[in-house]
Amino acid sequence: MGPAVAVKYSSAIFLIATIAIVLQVLFNLEAIRYTLYTGEPIYGGIMRLKPGCRSGW
């Protein structure tokens, strides 16, 4: 199926998939580091950041 997709959509789709995989690996590594350092899941840290600082209002 891979060669058929490459012929139909060109090799750009493989570049996009490769970039997505690399970014996912980097995110997972940073999430693991954060969890080991703080002891809380990454989503707890992400939820604490939203909606951000509103001191400029």
C-alpha atoms as a PDB file:
ATOM      1  CA  MET A   1       0.000   0.000   0.000  1.00  0.00           C
ATOM      2  CA  GLY A   2       2.934   2.354   0.633  1.00  0.00           C
ATOM      3  CA  PRO A   3       4.108   2.533  -2.996  1.00  0.00           C
ATOM      4  CA  ALA A   4       0.554   3.102  -4.226  1.00  0.00           C
ATOM      5  CA  VAL A   5       0.165   6.031  -1.836  1.00  0.00           C
ATOM      6  CA  ALA A   6       3.533   7.420  -2.939  1.00  0.00           C
ATOM      7  CA  VAL A   7       2.504   7.280  -6.587  1.00  0.00           C
ATOM      8  CA  LYS A   8      -0.891   8.829  -5.955  1.00  0.00           C
ATOM      9  CA  TYR A   9       0.035  11.553  -3.455  1.00  0.00           C
ATOM     10  CA  SER A  10       3.782  11.911  -4.102  1.00  0.00           C
ATOM     11  CA  SER A  11       6.464  11.531  -1.501  1.00  0.00           C
ATOM     12  CA  ALA A  12       5.287  14.638   0.391  1.00  0.00           C
ATOM     13  CA  ILE A  13       2.928  12.518   2.474  1.00  0.00           C
ATOM     14  CA  PHE A  14       5.873  10.477   3.721  1.00  0.00           C
ATOM     15  CA  LEU A  15       7.679  13.677   4.686  1.00  0.00           C
ATOM     16  CA  ILE A  16       4.642  14.827   6.657  1.00  0.00           C
ATOM     17  CA  ALA A  17       4.375  11.456   8.388  1.00  0.00           C
ATOM     18  CA  THR A  18       8.074  11.486   9.258  1.00  0.00           C
ATOM     19  CA  ILE A  19       7.854  14.968  10.740  1.00  0.00           C
ATOM     20  CA  ALA A  20       4.762  13.993  12.749  1.00  0.00           C
ATOM     21  CA  ILE A  21       6.506  10.908  14.136  1.00  0.00           C
ATOM     22  CA  VAL A  22       9.597  12.886  15.148  1.00  0.00           C
ATOM     23  CA  LEU A  23       7.502  15.548  16.869  1.00  0.00           C
ATOM     24  CA  GLN A  24       5.500  12.888  18.714  1.00  0.00           C
ATOM     25  CA  VAL A  25       8.696  11.233  19.946  1.00  0.00           C
ATOM     26  CA  LEU A  26      10.049  14.562  21.198  1.00  0.00           C
ATOM     27  CA  PHE A  27       6.794  15.355  22.986  1.00  0.00           C
ATOM     28  CA  ASN A  28       6.731  11.923  24.624  1.00  0.00           C
ATOM     29  CA  LEU A  29      10.324  12.262  25.828  1.00  0.00           C
ATOM     30  CA  GLU A  30       9.620  15.670  27.348  1.00  0.00           C
ATOM     31  CA  ALA A  31       6.420  14.364  28.950  1.00  0.00           C
ATOM     32  CA  ILE A  32       8.373  11.517  30.536  1.00  0.00           C
ATOM     33  CA  ARG A  33      11.003  13.939  31.840  1.00  0.00           C
ATOM     34  CA  TYR A  34       8.336  16.237  33.270  1.00  0.00           C
ATOM     35  CA  THR A  35       6.561  13.355  34.987  1.00  0.00           C
ATOM     36  CA  LEU A  36       9.774  12.015  36.504  1.00  0.00           C
ATOM     37  CA  TYR A  37      10.808  15.483  37.707  1.00  0.00           C
ATOM     38  CA  THR A  38       7.492  16.653  39.173  1.00  0.00           C
ATOM     39  CA  GLY A  39       5.635  13.414  39.855  1.00  0.00           C
ATOM     40  CA  GLU A  40       2.469  14.585  38.119  1.00  0.00           C
ATOM     41  CA  PRO A  41       1.134  13.695  34.672  1.00  0.00           C
ATOM     42  CA  ILE A  42       1.936  16.031  31.790  1.00  0.00           C
ATOM     43  CA  TYR A  43      -1.729  16.961  31.374  1.00  0.00           C
ATOM     44  CA  GLY A  44      -1.761  18.401  34.871  1.00  0.00           C
ATOM     45  CA  GLY A  45       1.054  20.737  33.923  1.00  0.00           C
ATOM     46  CA  ILE A  46      -0.546  21.676  30.617  1.00  0.00           C
ATOM     47  CA  MET A  47      -3.889  22.422  32.247  1.00  0.00           C
ATOM     48  CA  ARG A  48      -2.155  24.684  34.770  1.00  0.00           C
ATOM     49  CA  LEU A  49      -0.813  26.829  31.922  1.00  0.00           C
ATOM     50  CA  LYS A  50      -4.178  27.561  30.325  1.00  0.00           C
ATOM     51  CA  PRO A  51      -5.503  30.257  29.857  1.00  0.00           C
ATOM     52  CA  GLY A  52      -2.207  31.873  30.763  1.00  0.00           C
ATOM     53  CA  CYS A  53      -1.245  35.037  32.571  1.00  0.00           C
ATOM     54  CA  ARG A  54      -3.901  37.740  32.495  1.00  0.00           C
ATOM     55  CA  SER A  55      -1.954  40.368  34.441  1.00  0.00           C
ATOM     56  CA  GLY A  56      -1.746  42.640  31.365  1.00  0.00           C
ATOM     57  CA  TRP A  57      -5.480  43.378  31.371  1.00  0.00           C
END
